[in-house]
Structure formats: structure tokens, C-alpha cells
């Protein structure tokens, strides 16, 4: 696999990772919001569940959107996206096991000497 294909793969992996995170946190939003409408749930629990639903939505935006934006930028060979991908890769190293694998592979591809010449 040549360097261009590896860069494309890293871009698509970041997009998929961002969409998957967005989906999981959206499901958490639906669960918290859905449980808050059960009639037997008290008012204080209902309030807490709705706050947790809002928090999962904010968390989705803060975690998923940078991954999707980085992936799209990497596919378009933007230098800022390569730097954002490196930062996200370092942060992903702590999300064992899939985040670690994505982080290591992304760091390997995005910091390689041949890769930097592909970005403008």
C-alpha cells in the first residue's frame, strides 16, 4: 500500500470513528431522554436524566465533530488537518484497544517524511 492510500485510509478511519462516537452518544441521549418520560420516575430523577441527555449531546459534539473534520481535511490533504490528526491520534492512544490502534497507525502515517510532502 502506497503512502497516498495510507493517508486516505487514515482519513476514512477518523471519519468512521467520529460517526461511530456520534452514534453511540446519540443512543445514550435517546436512552436518558426516554427513561426520563417513564411515569414512575420522580421529578428529581427526571431532571437529572434530562441533564445527562443534554450532556451526552454536548459530549458528542466535542468528541465526534473534530474527528470527522480531521478526517475530511486529511482526505483533502490540508496541513491543518494533518496537525489535528496528530493531536487526535495522541489523545486516542489512551482509548484502549481500538483508539490505541487508530492512534498508533495514524501517528505512523501522518508523521512519516513522505506524508508531509503530500499535504499543502
PDB file of N, CA and C in Angstrom:
ATOM      1  N   UNK A   1       0.840  -1.171   0.000  1.00  0.00           N
ATOM      2  CA  UNK A   1       0.000   0.000   0.000  1.00  0.00           C
ATOM      3  C   UNK A   1       0.891   1.242   0.000  1.00  0.00           C
ATOM      4  N   UNK A   2       0.655   2.118  -0.966  1.00  0.00           N
ATOM      5  CA  UNK A   2       1.496   3.311  -1.038  1.00  0.00           C
ATOM      6  C   UNK A   2       1.028   4.365  -0.033  1.00  0.00           C
ATOM      7  N   UNK A   3       1.802   5.421   0.093  1.00  0.00           N
ATOM      8  CA  UNK A   3       1.577   6.446   1.117  1.00  0.00           C
ATOM      9  C   UNK A   3       0.249   7.170   0.899  1.00  0.00           C
ATOM     10  N   UNK A   4      -0.123   7.444  -0.348  1.00  0.00           N
ATOM     11  CA  UNK A   4      -1.394   8.134  -0.621  1.00  0.00           C
ATOM     12  C   UNK A   4      -2.579   7.310  -0.133  1.00  0.00           C
ATOM     13  N   UNK A   5      -2.551   6.015  -0.373  1.00  0.00           N
ATOM     14  CA  UNK A   5      -3.629   5.147   0.091  1.00  0.00           C
ATOM     15  C   UNK A   5      -3.677   5.075   1.612  1.00  0.00           C
ATOM     16  N   UNK A   6      -2.511   5.083   2.249  1.00  0.00           N
ATOM     17  CA  UNK A   6      -2.484   5.068   3.708  1.00  0.00           C
ATOM     18  C   UNK A   6      -3.083   6.354   4.282  1.00  0.00           C
ATOM     19  N   UNK A   7      -2.779   7.481   3.664  1.00  0.00           N
ATOM     20  CA  UNK A   7      -3.339   8.756   4.122  1.00  0.00           C
ATOM     21  C   UNK A   7      -4.858   8.750   3.932  1.00  0.00           C
ATOM     22  N   UNK A   8      -5.323   8.252   2.793  1.00  0.00           N
ATOM     23  CA  UNK A   8      -6.766   8.141   2.566  1.00  0.00           C
ATOM     24  C   UNK A   8      -7.413   7.229   3.607  1.00  0.00           C
ATOM     25  N   UNK A   9      -6.766   6.122   3.915  1.00  0.00           N
ATOM     26  CA  UNK A   9      -7.294   5.197   4.908  1.00  0.00           C
ATOM     27  C   UNK A   9      -7.387   5.862   6.281  1.00  0.00           C
ATOM     28  N   UNK A  10      -6.368   6.621   6.655  1.00  0.00           N
ATOM     29  CA  UNK A  10      -6.398   7.330   7.938  1.00  0.00           C
ATOM     30  C   UNK A  10      -7.554   8.325   7.953  1.00  0.00           C
ATOM     31  N   UNK A  11      -7.754   9.047   6.868  1.00  0.00           N
ATOM     32  CA  UNK A  11      -8.870   9.992   6.792  1.00  0.00           C
ATOM     33  C   UNK A  11     -10.207   9.303   6.968  1.00  0.00           C
ATOM     34  N   UNK A  12     -10.404   8.203   6.262  1.00  0.00           N
ATOM     35  CA  UNK A  12     -11.668   7.473   6.380  1.00  0.00           C
ATOM     36  C   UNK A  12     -11.838   6.844   7.755  1.00  0.00           C
ATOM     37  N   UNK A  13     -10.754   6.371   8.360  1.00  0.00           N
ATOM     38  CA  UNK A  13     -10.859   5.796   9.701  1.00  0.00           C
ATOM     39  C   UNK A  13     -11.274   6.848  10.726  1.00  0.00           C
ATOM     40  N   UNK A  14     -10.759   8.068  10.590  1.00  0.00           N
ATOM     41  CA  UNK A  14     -11.158   9.128  11.512  1.00  0.00           C
ATOM     42  C   UNK A  14     -12.609   9.509  11.308  1.00  0.00           C
ATOM     43  N   UNK A  15     -13.070   9.527  10.059  1.00  0.00           N
ATOM     44  CA  UNK A  15     -14.483   9.828   9.794  1.00  0.00           C
ATOM     45  C   UNK A  15     -15.373   8.752  10.407  1.00  0.00           C
ATOM     46  N   UNK A  16     -15.021   7.493  10.196  1.00  0.00           N
ATOM     47  CA  UNK A  16     -15.817   6.393  10.744  1.00  0.00           C
ATOM     48  C   UNK A  16     -15.792   6.414  12.270  1.00  0.00           C
ATOM     49  N   UNK A  17     -14.633   6.676  12.863  1.00  0.00           N
ATOM     50  CA  UNK A  17     -14.535   6.746  14.325  1.00  0.00           C
ATOM     51  C   UNK A  17     -15.403   7.878  14.870  1.00  0.00           C
ATOM     52  N   UNK A  18     -15.405   9.013  14.201  1.00  0.00           N
ATOM     53  CA  UNK A  18     -16.241  10.128  14.633  1.00  0.00           C
ATOM     54  C   UNK A  18     -17.722   9.822  14.508  1.00  0.00           C
ATOM     55  N   UNK A  19     -18.106   9.202  13.405  1.00  0.00           N
ATOM     56  CA  UNK A  19     -19.514   8.839  13.219  1.00  0.00           C
ATOM     57  C   UNK A  19     -19.952   7.780  14.213  1.00  0.00           C
ATOM     58  N   UNK A  20     -19.073   6.825  14.504  1.00  0.00           N
ATOM     59  CA  UNK A  20     -19.398   5.798  15.486  1.00  0.00           C
ATOM     60  C   UNK A  20     -19.555   6.407  16.879  1.00  0.00           C
ATOM     61  N   UNK A  21     -18.679   7.314  17.259  1.00  0.00           N
ATOM     62  CA  UNK A  21     -18.804   8.002  18.547  1.00  0.00           C
ATOM     63  C   UNK A  21     -20.087   8.815  18.600  1.00  0.00           C
ATOM     64  N   UNK A  22     -20.401   9.490  17.506  1.00  0.00           N
ATOM     65  CA  UNK A  22     -21.623  10.275  17.440  1.00  0.00           C
ATOM     66  C   UNK A  22     -22.844   9.382  17.605  1.00  0.00           C
ATOM     67  N   UNK A  23     -22.849   8.229  16.963  1.00  0.00           N
ATOM     68  CA  UNK A  23     -23.964   7.291  17.057  1.00  0.00           C
ATOM     69  C   UNK A  23     -24.132   6.767  18.478  1.00  0.00           C
ATOM     70  N   UNK A  24     -23.026   6.374  19.118  1.00  0.00           N
ATOM     71  CA  UNK A  24     -23.092   5.832  20.480  1.00  0.00           C
ATOM     72  C   UNK A  24     -23.613   6.890  21.454  1.00  0.00           C
ATOM     73  N   UNK A  25     -23.113   8.099  21.345  1.00  0.00           N
ATOM     74  CA  UNK A  25     -23.566   9.146  22.246  1.00  0.00           C
ATOM     75  C   UNK A  25     -24.999   9.588  21.929  1.00  0.00           C
ATOM     76  N   UNK A  26     -25.412   9.490  20.688  1.00  0.00           N
ATOM     77  CA  UNK A  26     -26.802   9.771  20.333  1.00  0.00           C
ATOM     78  C   UNK A  26     -27.722   8.713  20.941  1.00  0.00           C
ATOM     79  N   UNK A  27     -27.280   7.458  20.954  1.00  0.00           N
ATOM     80  CA  UNK A  27     -28.069   6.401  21.600  1.00  0.00           C
ATOM     81  C   UNK A  27     -28.173   6.663  23.100  1.00  0.00           C
ATOM     82  N   UNK A  28     -27.101   7.129  23.722  1.00  0.00           N
ATOM     83  CA  UNK A  28     -27.156   7.485  25.144  1.00  0.00           C
ATOM     84  C   UNK A  28     -28.161   8.611  25.364  1.00  0.00           C
ATOM     85  N   UNK A  29     -28.182   9.586  24.464  1.00  0.00           N
ATOM     86  CA  UNK A  29     -29.151  10.671  24.542  1.00  0.00           C
ATOM     87  C   UNK A  29     -30.571  10.116  24.514  1.00  0.00           C
ATOM     88  N   UNK A  30     -30.832   9.214  23.577  1.00  0.00           N
ATOM     89  CA  UNK A  30     -32.175   8.641  23.468  1.00  0.00           C
ATOM     90  C   UNK A  30     -32.553   7.828  24.700  1.00  0.00           C
ATOM     91  N   UNK A  31     -31.610   7.079  25.230  1.00  0.00           N
ATOM     92  CA  UNK A  31     -31.893   6.259  26.412  1.00  0.00           C
ATOM     93  C   UNK A  31     -32.200   7.146  27.614  1.00  0.00           C
ATOM     94  N   UNK A  32     -31.335   8.120  27.897  1.00  0.00           N
ATOM     95  CA  UNK A  32     -31.570   9.005  29.039  1.00  0.00           C
ATOM     96  C   UNK A  32     -32.869   9.787  28.891  1.00  0.00           C
ATOM     97  N   UNK A  33     -33.104  10.275  27.689  1.00  0.00           N
ATOM     98  CA  UNK A  33     -34.321  11.045  27.452  1.00  0.00           C
ATOM     99  C   UNK A  33     -35.549  10.147  27.541  1.00  0.00           C
ATOM    100  N   UNK A  34     -35.453   8.941  26.981  1.00  0.00           N
ATOM    101  CA  UNK A  34     -36.583   8.014  27.019  1.00  0.00           C
ATOM    102  C   UNK A  34     -36.939   7.583  28.434  1.00  0.00           C
ATOM    103  N   UNK A  35     -35.941   7.284  29.246  1.00  0.00           N
ATOM    104  CA  UNK A  35     -36.186   6.862  30.625  1.00  0.00           C
ATOM    105  C   UNK A  35     -36.789   8.001  31.431  1.00  0.00           C
ATOM    106  N   UNK A  36     -36.463   9.238  31.079  1.00  0.00           N
ATOM    107  CA  UNK A  36     -36.995  10.377  31.840  1.00  0.00           C
ATOM    108  C   UNK A  36     -38.500  10.546  31.653  1.00  0.00           C
ATOM    109  N   UNK A  37     -39.089   9.917  30.646  1.00  0.00           N
ATOM    110  CA  UNK A  37     -40.523  10.030  30.408  1.00  0.00           C
ATOM    111  C   UNK A  37     -41.328   8.891  31.036  1.00  0.00           C
ATOM    112  N   UNK A  38     -40.671   7.977  31.747  1.00  0.00           N
ATOM    113  CA  UNK A  38     -41.397   6.919  32.446  1.00  0.00           C
ATOM    114  C   UNK A  38     -42.176   7.564  33.591  1.00  0.00           C
ATOM    115  N   UNK A  39     -43.478   7.272  33.693  1.00  0.00           N
ATOM    116  CA  UNK A  39     -44.307   7.954  34.693  1.00  0.00           C
ATOM    117  C   UNK A  39     -43.879   7.725  36.144  1.00  0.00           C
ATOM    118  N   UNK A  40     -43.308   6.558  36.460  1.00  0.00           N
ATOM    119  CA  UNK A  40     -42.934   6.255  37.838  1.00  0.00           C
ATOM    120  C   UNK A  40     -41.666   6.975  38.300  1.00  0.00           C
ATOM    121  N   UNK A  41     -40.974   7.605  37.382  1.00  0.00           N
ATOM    122  CA  UNK A  41     -39.722   8.292  37.719  1.00  0.00           C
ATOM    123  C   UNK A  41     -40.055   9.619  38.406  1.00  0.00           C
ATOM    124  N   UNK A  42     -39.382   9.895  39.506  1.00  0.00           N
ATOM    125  CA  UNK A  42     -39.614  11.136  40.242  1.00  0.00           C
ATOM    126  C   UNK A  42     -39.114  12.349  39.486  1.00  0.00           C
ATOM    127  N   UNK A  43     -39.543  13.513  39.916  1.00  0.00           N
ATOM    128  CA  UNK A  43     -39.165  14.762  39.244  1.00  0.00           C
ATOM    129  C   UNK A  43     -37.662  15.024  39.305  1.00  0.00           C
ATOM    130  N   UNK A  44     -37.032  14.735  40.436  1.00  0.00           N
ATOM    131  CA  UNK A  44     -35.594  14.996  40.544  1.00  0.00           C
ATOM    132  C   UNK A  44     -34.798  14.045  39.649  1.00  0.00           C
ATOM    133  N   UNK A  45     -35.228  12.784  39.571  1.00  0.00           N
ATOM    134  CA  UNK A  45     -34.560  11.823  38.690  1.00  0.00           C
ATOM    135  C   UNK A  45     -34.783  12.211  37.237  1.00  0.00           C
ATOM    136  N   UNK A  46     -35.972  12.655  36.922  1.00  0.00           N
ATOM    137  CA  UNK A  46     -36.296  13.100  35.555  1.00  0.00           C
ATOM    138  C   UNK A  46     -35.395  14.262  35.154  1.00  0.00           C
ATOM    139  N   UNK A  47     -35.200  15.209  36.051  1.00  0.00           N
ATOM    140  CA  UNK A  47     -34.333  16.357  35.785  1.00  0.00           C
ATOM    141  C   UNK A  47     -32.891  15.902  35.551  1.00  0.00           C
ATOM    142  N   UNK A  48     -32.401  15.005  36.402  1.00  0.00           N
ATOM    143  CA  UNK A  48     -31.024  14.510  36.274  1.00  0.00           C
ATOM    144  C   UNK A  48     -30.842  13.764  34.955  1.00  0.00           C
ATOM    145  N   UNK A  49     -31.824  12.935  34.574  1.00  0.00           N
ATOM    146  CA  UNK A  49     -31.725  12.195  33.312  1.00  0.00           C
ATOM    147  C   UNK A  49     -31.718  13.133  32.114  1.00  0.00           C
ATOM    148  N   UNK A  50     -32.485  14.186  32.178  1.00  0.00           N
ATOM    149  CA  UNK A  50     -32.507  15.142  31.060  1.00  0.00           C
ATOM    150  C   UNK A  50     -31.205  15.941  30.987  1.00  0.00           C
ATOM    151  N   UNK A  51     -30.619  16.230  32.135  1.00  0.00           N
ATOM    152  CA  UNK A  51     -29.301  16.883  32.148  1.00  0.00           C
ATOM    153  C   UNK A  51     -28.252  15.938  31.557  1.00  0.00           C
ATOM    154  N   UNK A  52     -28.341  14.641  31.900  1.00  0.00           N
ATOM    155  CA  UNK A  52     -27.405  13.660  31.343  1.00  0.00           C
ATOM    156  C   UNK A  52     -27.600  13.526  29.836  1.00  0.00           C
ATOM    157  N   UNK A  53     -28.829  13.622  29.351  1.00  0.00           N
ATOM    158  CA  UNK A  53     -29.095  13.572  27.920  1.00  0.00           C
ATOM    159  C   UNK A  53     -28.458  14.769  27.223  1.00  0.00           C
ATOM    160  N   UNK A  54     -28.632  15.944  27.810  1.00  0.00           N
ATOM    161  CA  UNK A  54     -28.009  17.139  27.240  1.00  0.00           C
ATOM    162  C   UNK A  54     -26.490  17.024  27.269  1.00  0.00           C
ATOM    163  N   UNK A  55     -25.956  16.488  28.367  1.00  0.00           N
ATOM    164  CA  UNK A  55     -24.509  16.303  28.480  1.00  0.00           C
ATOM    165  C   UNK A  55     -23.966  15.338  27.441  1.00  0.00           C
ATOM    166  N   UNK A  56     -24.722  14.271  27.150  1.00  0.00           N
ATOM    167  CA  UNK A  56     -24.244  13.329  26.129  1.00  0.00           C
ATOM    168  C   UNK A  56     -24.252  13.976  24.751  1.00  0.00           C
ATOM    169  N   UNK A  57     -25.199  14.867  24.502  1.00  0.00           N
ATOM    170  CA  UNK A  57     -25.242  15.567  23.218  1.00  0.00           C
ATOM    171  C   UNK A  57     -24.061  16.530  23.085  1.00  0.00           C
ATOM    172  N   UNK A  58     -23.754  17.250  24.158  1.00  0.00           N
ATOM    173  CA  UNK A  58     -22.606  18.166  24.141  1.00  0.00           C
ATOM    174  C   UNK A  58     -21.308  17.377  24.004  1.00  0.00           C
ATOM    175  N   UNK A  59     -21.213  16.245  24.709  1.00  0.00           N
ATOM    176  CA  UNK A  59     -20.032  15.388  24.608  1.00  0.00           C
ATOM    177  C   UNK A  59     -19.859  14.857  23.188  1.00  0.00           C
ATOM    178  N   UNK A  60     -20.971  14.523  22.552  1.00  0.00           N
ATOM    179  CA  UNK A  60     -20.908  14.046  21.167  1.00  0.00           C
ATOM    180  C   UNK A  60     -20.323  15.110  20.252  1.00  0.00           C
ATOM    181  N   UNK A  61     -20.756  16.341  20.451  1.00  0.00           N
ATOM    182  CA  UNK A  61     -20.248  17.420  19.612  1.00  0.00           C
ATOM    183  C   UNK A  61     -18.767  17.677  19.860  1.00  0.00           C
ATOM    184  N   UNK A  62     -18.373  17.644  21.131  1.00  0.00           N
ATOM    185  CA  UNK A  62     -16.975  17.937  21.458  1.00  0.00           C
ATOM    186  C   UNK A  62     -16.017  16.830  21.040  1.00  0.00           C
ATOM    187  N   UNK A  63     -16.467  15.582  21.064  1.00  0.00           N
ATOM    188  CA  UNK A  63     -15.571  14.466  20.749  1.00  0.00           C
ATOM    189  C   UNK A  63     -15.646  14.015  19.294  1.00  0.00           C
ATOM    190  N   UNK A  64     -16.823  14.010  18.727  1.00  0.00           N
ATOM    191  CA  UNK A  64     -17.005  13.418  17.406  1.00  0.00           C
ATOM    192  C   UNK A  64     -16.721  14.377  16.259  1.00  0.00           C
ATOM    193  N   UNK A  65     -17.157  15.607  16.395  1.00  0.00           N
ATOM    194  CA  UNK A  65     -17.002  16.537  15.284  1.00  0.00           C
ATOM    195  C   UNK A  65     -15.544  16.819  14.917  1.00  0.00           C
ATOM    196  N   UNK A  66     -14.622  16.984  15.883  1.00  0.00           N
ATOM    197  CA  UNK A  66     -13.225  17.163  15.475  1.00  0.00           C
ATOM    198  C   UNK A  66     -12.664  15.962  14.709  1.00  0.00           C
ATOM    199  N   UNK A  67     -13.106  14.761  15.053  1.00  0.00           N
ATOM    200  CA  UNK A  67     -12.635  13.571  14.342  1.00  0.00           C
ATOM    201  C   UNK A  67     -13.136  13.573  12.904  1.00  0.00           C
ATOM    202  N   UNK A  68     -14.397  13.920  12.714  1.00  0.00           N
ATOM    203  CA  UNK A  68     -14.965  13.952  11.365  1.00  0.00           C
ATOM    204  C   UNK A  68     -14.309  15.058  10.537  1.00  0.00           C
ATOM    205  N   UNK A  69     -14.131  16.221  11.147  1.00  0.00           N
ATOM    206  CA  UNK A  69     -13.494  17.347  10.446  1.00  0.00           C
ATOM    207  C   UNK A  69     -12.053  16.998  10.073  1.00  0.00           C
ATOM    208  N   UNK A  70     -11.322  16.366  10.998  1.00  0.00           N
ATOM    209  CA  UNK A  70      -9.939  15.965  10.706  1.00  0.00           C
ATOM    210  C   UNK A  70      -9.902  14.962   9.567  1.00  0.00           C
ATOM    211  N   UNK A  71     -10.807  13.996   9.585  1.00  0.00           N
ATOM    212  CA  UNK A  71     -10.844  13.000   8.511  1.00  0.00           C
ATOM    213  C   UNK A  71     -11.111  13.625   7.157  1.00  0.00           C
ATOM    214  N   UNK A  72     -12.077  14.543   7.103  1.00  0.00           N
ATOM    215  CA  UNK A  72     -12.375  15.216   5.837  1.00  0.00           C
ATOM    216  C   UNK A  72     -11.200  16.066   5.369  1.00  0.00           C
ATOM    217  N   UNK A  73     -10.559  16.757   6.304  1.00  0.00           N
ATOM    218  CA  UNK A  73      -9.398  17.572   5.947  1.00  0.00           C
ATOM    219  C   UNK A  73      -8.219  16.736   5.478  1.00  0.00           C
ATOM    220  N   UNK A  74      -8.024  15.576   6.114  1.00  0.00           N
ATOM    221  CA  UNK A  74      -6.936  14.682   5.692  1.00  0.00           C
ATOM    222  C   UNK A  74      -7.195  14.170   4.280  1.00  0.00           C
ATOM    223  N   UNK A  75      -8.454  13.854   3.973  1.00  0.00           N
ATOM    224  CA  UNK A  75      -8.772  13.406   2.610  1.00  0.00           C
ATOM    225  C   UNK A  75      -8.516  14.498   1.581  1.00  0.00           C
ATOM    226  N   UNK A  76      -8.669  15.765   1.997  1.00  0.00           N
ATOM    227  CA  UNK A  76      -8.419  16.899   1.092  1.00  0.00           C
ATOM    228  C   UNK A  76      -6.980  17.383   1.154  1.00  0.00           C
ATOM    229  N   UNK A  77      -6.141  16.691   1.951  1.00  0.00           N
ATOM    230  CA  UNK A  77      -4.704  16.972   2.070  1.00  0.00           C
ATOM    231  C   UNK A  77      -4.419  18.379   2.607  1.00  0.00           C
ATOM    232  N   UNK A  78      -5.167  18.775   3.612  1.00  0.00           N
ATOM    233  CA  UNK A  78      -4.947  20.068   4.254  1.00  0.00           C
ATOM    234  C   UNK A  78      -3.946  19.911   5.392  1.00  0.00           C
ATOM    235  N   UNK A  79      -2.980  20.815   5.496  1.00  0.00           N
ATOM    236  CA  UNK A  79      -1.937  20.719   6.518  1.00  0.00           C
ATOM    237  C   UNK A  79      -2.513  20.835   7.928  1.00  0.00           C
ATOM    238  N   UNK A  80      -3.496  21.726   8.123  1.00  0.00           N
ATOM    239  CA  UNK A  80      -4.107  21.873   9.446  1.00  0.00           C
ATOM    240  C   UNK A  80      -4.761  20.565   9.889  1.00  0.00           C
ATOM    241  N   UNK A  81      -5.311  19.813   8.940  1.00  0.00           N
ATOM    242  CA  UNK A  81      -5.963  18.543   9.274  1.00  0.00           C
ATOM    243  C   UNK A  81      -4.932  17.493   9.668  1.00  0.00           C
ATOM    244  N   UNK A  82      -3.760  17.537   9.046  1.00  0.00           N
ATOM    245  CA  UNK A  82      -2.697  16.608   9.436  1.00  0.00           C
ATOM    246  C   UNK A  82      -2.278  16.879  10.879  1.00  0.00           C
ATOM    247  N   UNK A  83      -2.143  18.143  11.236  1.00  0.00           N
ATOM    248  CA  UNK A  83      -1.766  18.501  12.610  1.00  0.00           C
ATOM    249  C   UNK A  83      -2.882  18.113  13.588  1.00  0.00           C
ATOM    250  N   UNK A  84      -4.133  18.385  13.218  1.00  0.00           N
ATOM    251  CA  UNK A  84      -5.264  17.989  14.060  1.00  0.00           C
ATOM    252  C   UNK A  84      -5.314  16.470  14.194  1.00  0.00           C
ATOM    253  N   UNK A  85      -5.033  15.749  13.116  1.00  0.00           N
ATOM    254  CA  UNK A  85      -4.999  14.291  13.173  1.00  0.00           C
ATOM    255  C   UNK A  85      -3.922  13.773  14.107  1.00  0.00           C
ATOM    256  N   UNK A  86      -2.778  14.444  14.138  1.00  0.00           N
ATOM    257  CA  UNK A  86      -1.703  14.046  15.049  1.00  0.00           C
ATOM    258  C   UNK A  86      -2.136  14.272  16.499  1.00  0.00           C
ATOM    259  N   UNK A  87      -2.756  15.412  16.766  1.00  0.00           N
ATOM    260  CA  UNK A  87      -3.233  15.694  18.134  1.00  0.00           C
ATOM    261  C   UNK A  87      -4.293  14.678  18.548  1.00  0.00           C
ATOM    262  N   UNK A  88      -5.257  14.415  17.667  1.00  0.00           N
ATOM    263  CA  UNK A  88      -6.299  13.432  17.980  1.00  0.00           C
ATOM    264  C   UNK A  88      -5.713  12.036  18.143  1.00  0.00           C
ATOM    265  N   UNK A  89      -4.671  11.726  17.380  1.00  0.00           N
ATOM    266  CA  UNK A  89      -4.022  10.417  17.494  1.00  0.00           C
ATOM    267  C   UNK A  89      -3.370  10.244  18.854  1.00  0.00           C
ATOM    268  N   UNK A  90      -2.736  11.290  19.335  1.00  0.00           N
ATOM    269  CA  UNK A  90      -2.114  11.222  20.666  1.00  0.00           C
ATOM    270  C   UNK A  90      -3.181  11.017  21.735  1.00  0.00           C
ATOM    271  N   UNK A  91      -4.292  11.731  21.614  1.00  0.00           N
ATOM    272  CA  UNK A  91      -5.377  11.571  22.584  1.00  0.00           C
ATOM    273  C   UNK A  91      -6.026  10.193  22.475  1.00  0.00           C
ATOM    274  N   UNK A  92      -6.078   9.639  21.270  1.00  0.00           N
ATOM    275  CA  UNK A  92      -6.699   8.333  21.066  1.00  0.00           C
ATOM    276  C   UNK A  92      -5.872   7.199  21.650  1.00  0.00           C
ATOM    277  N   UNK A  93      -4.603   7.425  21.891  1.00  0.00           N
ATOM    278  CA  UNK A  93      -3.751   6.374  22.450  1.00  0.00           C
ATOM    279  C   UNK A  93      -4.262   5.880  23.798  1.00  0.00           C
ATOM    280  N   UNK A  94      -5.003   6.704  24.512  1.00  0.00           N
ATOM    281  CA  UNK A  94      -5.496   6.343  25.835  1.00  0.00           C
ATOM    282  C   UNK A  94      -6.828   5.588  25.787  1.00  0.00           C
ATOM    283  N   UNK A  95      -7.436   5.451  24.609  1.00  0.00           N
ATOM    284  CA  UNK A  95      -8.707   4.724  24.476  1.00  0.00           C
ATOM    285  C   UNK A  95      -8.430   3.310  23.976  1.00  0.00           C
ATOM    286  N   UNK A  96      -8.023   2.454  24.899  1.00  0.00           N
ATOM    287  CA  UNK A  96      -7.639   1.083  24.588  1.00  0.00           C
ATOM    288  C   UNK A  96      -8.874   0.263  24.267  1.00  0.00           C
ATOM    289  N   UNK A  97      -8.869  -0.628  23.317  1.00  0.00           N
ATOM    290  CA  UNK A  97      -7.845  -1.054  22.385  1.00  0.00           C
ATOM    291  C   UNK A  97      -7.969  -0.398  21.005  1.00  0.00           C
ATOM    292  N   UNK A  98      -9.211  -0.053  20.585  1.00  0.00           N
ATOM    293  CA  UNK A  98      -9.381   0.458  19.221  1.00  0.00           C
ATOM    294  C   UNK A  98      -8.783   1.845  19.029  1.00  0.00           C
ATOM    295  N   UNK A  99      -8.956   2.706  20.017  1.00  0.00           N
ATOM    296  CA  UNK A  99      -8.366   4.040  19.920  1.00  0.00           C
ATOM    297  C   UNK A  99      -6.853   3.985  19.882  1.00  0.00           C
ATOM    298  N   UNK A 100      -6.285   3.052  20.645  1.00  0.00           N
ATOM    299  CA  UNK A 100      -4.828   2.898  20.646  1.00  0.00           C
ATOM    300  C   UNK A 100      -4.337   2.471  19.265  1.00  0.00           C
ATOM    301  N   UNK A 101      -5.035   1.527  18.669  1.00  0.00           N
ATOM    302  CA  UNK A 101      -4.646   1.054  17.335  1.00  0.00           C
ATOM    303  C   UNK A 101      -4.772   2.172  16.303  1.00  0.00           C
ATOM    304  N   UNK A 102      -5.877   2.909  16.355  1.00  0.00           N
ATOM    305  CA  UNK A 102      -6.067   4.020  15.427  1.00  0.00           C
ATOM    306  C   UNK A 102      -5.020   5.102  15.659  1.00  0.00           C
ATOM    307  N   UNK A 103      -4.716   5.386  16.922  1.00  0.00           N
ATOM    308  CA  UNK A 103      -3.719   6.406  17.239  1.00  0.00           C
ATOM    309  C   UNK A 103      -2.335   6.041  16.743  1.00  0.00           C
ATOM    310  N   UNK A 104      -1.930   4.798  16.972  1.00  0.00           N
ATOM    311  CA  UNK A 104      -0.596   4.355  16.533  1.00  0.00           C
ATOM    312  C   UNK A 104      -0.492   4.390  15.014  1.00  0.00           C
ATOM    313  N   UNK A 105      -1.506   3.848  14.329  1.00  0.00           N
ATOM    314  CA  UNK A 105      -1.461   3.830  12.865  1.00  0.00           C
ATOM    315  C   UNK A 105      -1.484   5.250  12.300  1.00  0.00           C
ATOM    316  N   UNK A 106      -2.326   6.110  12.867  1.00  0.00           N
ATOM    317  CA  UNK A 106      -2.399   7.487  12.376  1.00  0.00           C
ATOM    318  C   UNK A 106      -1.088   8.230  12.604  1.00  0.00           C
ATOM    319  N   UNK A 107      -0.501   8.055  13.775  1.00  0.00           N
ATOM    320  CA  UNK A 107       0.791   8.701  14.037  1.00  0.00           C
ATOM    321  C   UNK A 107       1.856   8.195  13.077  1.00  0.00           C
ATOM    322  N   UNK A 108       1.857   6.898  12.822  1.00  0.00           N
ATOM    323  CA  UNK A 108       2.830   6.327  11.888  1.00  0.00           C
ATOM    324  C   UNK A 108       2.684   6.946  10.502  1.00  0.00           C
ATOM    325  N   UNK A 109       1.459   7.062  10.028  1.00  0.00           N
ATOM    326  CA  UNK A 109       1.228   7.570   8.675  1.00  0.00           C
ATOM    327  C   UNK A 109       1.417   9.088   8.611  1.00  0.00           C
ATOM    328  N   UNK A 110       0.837   9.815   9.555  1.00  0.00           N
ATOM    329  CA  UNK A 110       0.829  11.280   9.459  1.00  0.00           C
ATOM    330  C   UNK A 110       2.167  11.931   9.785  1.00  0.00           C
ATOM    331  N   UNK A 111       3.042  11.246  10.495  1.00  0.00           N
ATOM    332  CA  UNK A 111       4.341  11.839  10.821  1.00  0.00           C
ATOM    333  C   UNK A 111       5.463  11.344   9.919  1.00  0.00           C
ATOM    334  N   UNK A 112       5.146  10.483   8.992  1.00  0.00           N
ATOM    335  CA  UNK A 112       6.183   9.966   8.091  1.00  0.00           C
ATOM    336  C   UNK A 112       6.664  11.068   7.155  1.00  0.00           C
ATOM    337  N   UNK A 113       7.918  11.025   6.814  1.00  0.00           N
ATOM    338  CA  UNK A 113       8.547  12.063   5.991  1.00  0.00           C
ATOM    339  C   UNK A 113       7.881  12.178   4.615  1.00  0.00           C
ATOM    340  N   UNK A 114       7.524  11.046   4.018  1.00  0.00           N
ATOM    341  CA  UNK A 114       6.878  11.087   2.701  1.00  0.00           C
ATOM    342  C   UNK A 114       5.478  11.691   2.772  1.00  0.00           C
ATOM    343  N   UNK A 115       4.820  11.511   3.907  1.00  0.00           N
ATOM    344  CA  UNK A 115       3.440  12.008   4.057  1.00  0.00           C
ATOM    345  C   UNK A 115       3.394  13.529   4.088  1.00  0.00           C
ATOM    346  N   UNK A 116       4.353  14.153   4.730  1.00  0.00           N
ATOM    347  CA  UNK A 116       4.323  15.615   4.855  1.00  0.00           C
ATOM    348  C   UNK A 116       4.391  16.310   3.485  1.00  0.00           C
ATOM    349  N   UNK A 117       5.024  15.659   2.510  1.00  0.00           N
ATOM    350  CA  UNK A 117       5.106  16.263   1.179  1.00  0.00           C
ATOM    351  C   UNK A 117       3.763  16.176   0.440  1.00  0.00           C
ATOM    352  N   UNK A 118       2.857  15.304   0.883  1.00  0.00           N
ATOM    353  CA  UNK A 118       1.557  15.172   0.235  1.00  0.00           C
ATOM    354  C   UNK A 118       0.590  16.297   0.609  1.00  0.00           C
ATOM    355  N   UNK A 119       0.846  16.923   1.757  1.00  0.00           N
ATOM    356  CA  UNK A 119      -0.038  17.973   2.251  1.00  0.00           C
ATOM    357  C   UNK A 119       0.461  19.334   1.810  1.00  0.00           C
ATOM    358  N   UNK A 120      -0.474  20.234   1.542  1.00  0.00           N
ATOM    359  CA  UNK A 120      -0.106  21.592   1.095  1.00  0.00           C
ATOM    360  C   UNK A 120      -0.618  22.623   2.042  1.00  0.00           C
TER     361      UNK A 120
END
